[in-house]
Amino acid sequence: MDLQDTFYVMGIVYMAIMFILMIVAVFVAISIKKKINAIHDTIEQKLHKVTEIIAAGQAVADATKKVFGKDK
């Protein structure tokens, strides 16, 4: 095996390893994106629930003001 053949083999091995690592990096990026989107959706759902609770509390406060006649 000549020196030239050795460098060809090293280049082919290097390119194959880099190709595999690139594919793995793409799958990791997709996985991370899915997890971030899931966290984002969960936060939005919780914020929506908090908004509903605040709106319900405001409705109770308004009804209380009307009942006791203390509109300011």
C-alpha atoms as a PDB file:
ATOM      1  CA  MET A   1       0.000   0.000   0.000  1.00  0.00           C
ATOM      2  CA  ASP A   2       1.484   3.302  -1.097  1.00  0.00           C
ATOM      3  CA  LEU A   3       1.398   6.572   0.819  1.00  0.00           C
ATOM      4  CA  GLN A   4      -1.121   7.921  -1.686  1.00  0.00           C
ATOM      5  CA  ASP A   5      -3.493   4.997  -1.050  1.00  0.00           C
ATOM      6  CA  THR A   6      -3.148   5.529   2.690  1.00  0.00           C
ATOM      7  CA  PHE A   7      -4.216   9.166   2.338  1.00  0.00           C
ATOM      8  CA  TYR A   8      -7.165   8.137   0.131  1.00  0.00           C
ATOM      9  CA  VAL A   9      -8.329   5.652   2.751  1.00  0.00           C
ATOM     10  CA  MET A  10      -7.910   8.229   5.520  1.00  0.00           C
ATOM     11  CA  GLY A  11      -9.934  10.745   3.488  1.00  0.00           C
ATOM     12  CA  ILE A  12     -12.719   8.265   2.810  1.00  0.00           C
ATOM     13  CA  VAL A  13     -12.901   7.259   6.485  1.00  0.00           C
ATOM     14  CA  TYR A  14     -12.909  10.917   7.565  1.00  0.00           C
ATOM     15  CA  MET A  15     -15.685  11.811   5.101  1.00  0.00           C
ATOM     16  CA  ALA A  16     -17.772   8.822   6.180  1.00  0.00           C
ATOM     17  CA  ILE A  17     -17.441   9.720   9.850  1.00  0.00           C
ATOM     18  CA  MET A  18     -18.309  13.373   9.182  1.00  0.00           C
ATOM     19  CA  PHE A  19     -21.331  12.338   7.095  1.00  0.00           C
ATOM     20  CA  ILE A  20     -22.620  10.140   9.918  1.00  0.00           C
ATOM     21  CA  LEU A  21     -22.025  12.920  12.465  1.00  0.00           C
ATOM     22  CA  MET A  22     -23.886  15.388  10.239  1.00  0.00           C
ATOM     23  CA  ILE A  23     -26.906  13.080  10.044  1.00  0.00           C
ATOM     24  CA  VAL A  24     -26.832  12.589  13.820  1.00  0.00           C
ATOM     25  CA  ALA A  25     -26.626  16.373  14.335  1.00  0.00           C
ATOM     26  CA  VAL A  26     -29.713  16.895  12.157  1.00  0.00           C
ATOM     27  CA  PHE A  27     -31.703  14.311  14.138  1.00  0.00           C
ATOM     28  CA  VAL A  28     -30.555  15.869  17.426  1.00  0.00           C
ATOM     29  CA  ALA A  29     -31.616  19.327  16.219  1.00  0.00           C
ATOM     30  CA  ILE A  30     -35.047  18.007  15.213  1.00  0.00           C
ATOM     31  CA  SER A  31     -35.439  16.292  18.582  1.00  0.00           C
ATOM     32  CA  ILE A  32     -34.477  19.443  20.483  1.00  0.00           C
ATOM     33  CA  LYS A  33     -36.897  21.497  18.385  1.00  0.00           C
ATOM     34  CA  LYS A  34     -39.758  19.104  19.199  1.00  0.00           C
ATOM     35  CA  LYS A  35     -38.977  19.300  22.920  1.00  0.00           C
ATOM     36  CA  ILE A  36     -38.821  23.107  22.836  1.00  0.00           C
ATOM     37  CA  ASN A  37     -42.151  23.257  20.998  1.00  0.00           C
ATOM     38  CA  ALA A  38     -43.710  20.933  23.579  1.00  0.00           C
ATOM     39  CA  ILE A  39     -42.464  23.155  26.408  1.00  0.00           C
ATOM     40  CA  HIS A  40     -43.766  26.237  24.568  1.00  0.00           C
ATOM     41  CA  ASP A  41     -47.212  24.671  24.146  1.00  0.00           C
ATOM     42  CA  THR A  42     -47.324  23.708  27.830  1.00  0.00           C
ATOM     43  CA  ILE A  43     -46.445  27.252  28.882  1.00  0.00           C
ATOM     44  CA  GLU A  44     -49.117  28.687  26.582  1.00  0.00           C
ATOM     45  CA  GLN A  45     -51.746  26.345  28.042  1.00  0.00           C
ATOM     46  CA  LYS A  46     -50.828  27.353  31.588  1.00  0.00           C
ATOM     47  CA  LEU A  47     -50.894  31.046  30.693  1.00  0.00           C
ATOM     48  CA  HIS A  48     -54.321  30.555  29.141  1.00  0.00           C
ATOM     49  CA  LYS A  49     -55.555  28.941  32.372  1.00  0.00           C
ATOM     50  CA  VAL A  50     -54.138  31.821  34.427  1.00  0.00           C
ATOM     51  CA  THR A  51     -55.850  34.305  32.121  1.00  0.00           C
ATOM     52  CA  GLU A  52     -59.161  32.469  32.577  1.00  0.00           C
ATOM     53  CA  ILE A  53     -58.749  32.523  36.358  1.00  0.00           C
ATOM     54  CA  ILE A  54     -57.987  36.255  36.301  1.00  0.00           C
ATOM     55  CA  ALA A  55     -61.031  36.904  34.108  1.00  0.00           C
ATOM     56  CA  ALA A  56     -63.230  34.861  36.465  1.00  0.00           C
ATOM     57  CA  GLY A  57     -61.868  36.776  39.443  1.00  0.00           C
ATOM     58  CA  GLN A  58     -62.586  40.060  37.696  1.00  0.00           C
ATOM     59  CA  ALA A  59     -66.144  38.925  36.992  1.00  0.00           C
ATOM     60  CA  VAL A  60     -66.638  38.045  40.672  1.00  0.00           C
ATOM     61  CA  ALA A  61     -65.222  41.426  41.705  1.00  0.00           C
ATOM     62  CA  ASP A  62     -67.545  43.240  39.302  1.00  0.00           C
ATOM     63  CA  ALA A  63     -70.551  41.272  40.557  1.00  0.00           C
ATOM     64  CA  THR A  64     -69.590  42.036  44.158  1.00  0.00           C
ATOM     65  CA  LYS A  65     -69.336  45.740  43.390  1.00  0.00           C
ATOM     66  CA  LYS A  66     -72.791  45.690  41.806  1.00  0.00           C
ATOM     67  CA  VAL A  67     -74.322  43.830  44.745  1.00  0.00           C
ATOM     68  CA  PHE A  68     -72.856  46.102  47.384  1.00  0.00           C
ATOM     69  CA  GLY A  69     -73.183  49.246  45.265  1.00  0.00           C
ATOM     70  CA  LYS A  70     -69.615  50.394  45.600  1.00  0.00           C
ATOM     71  CA  ASP A  71     -68.829  51.255  41.983  1.00  0.00           C
ATOM     72  CA  LYS A  72     -65.829  53.564  41.854  1.00  0.00           C
END
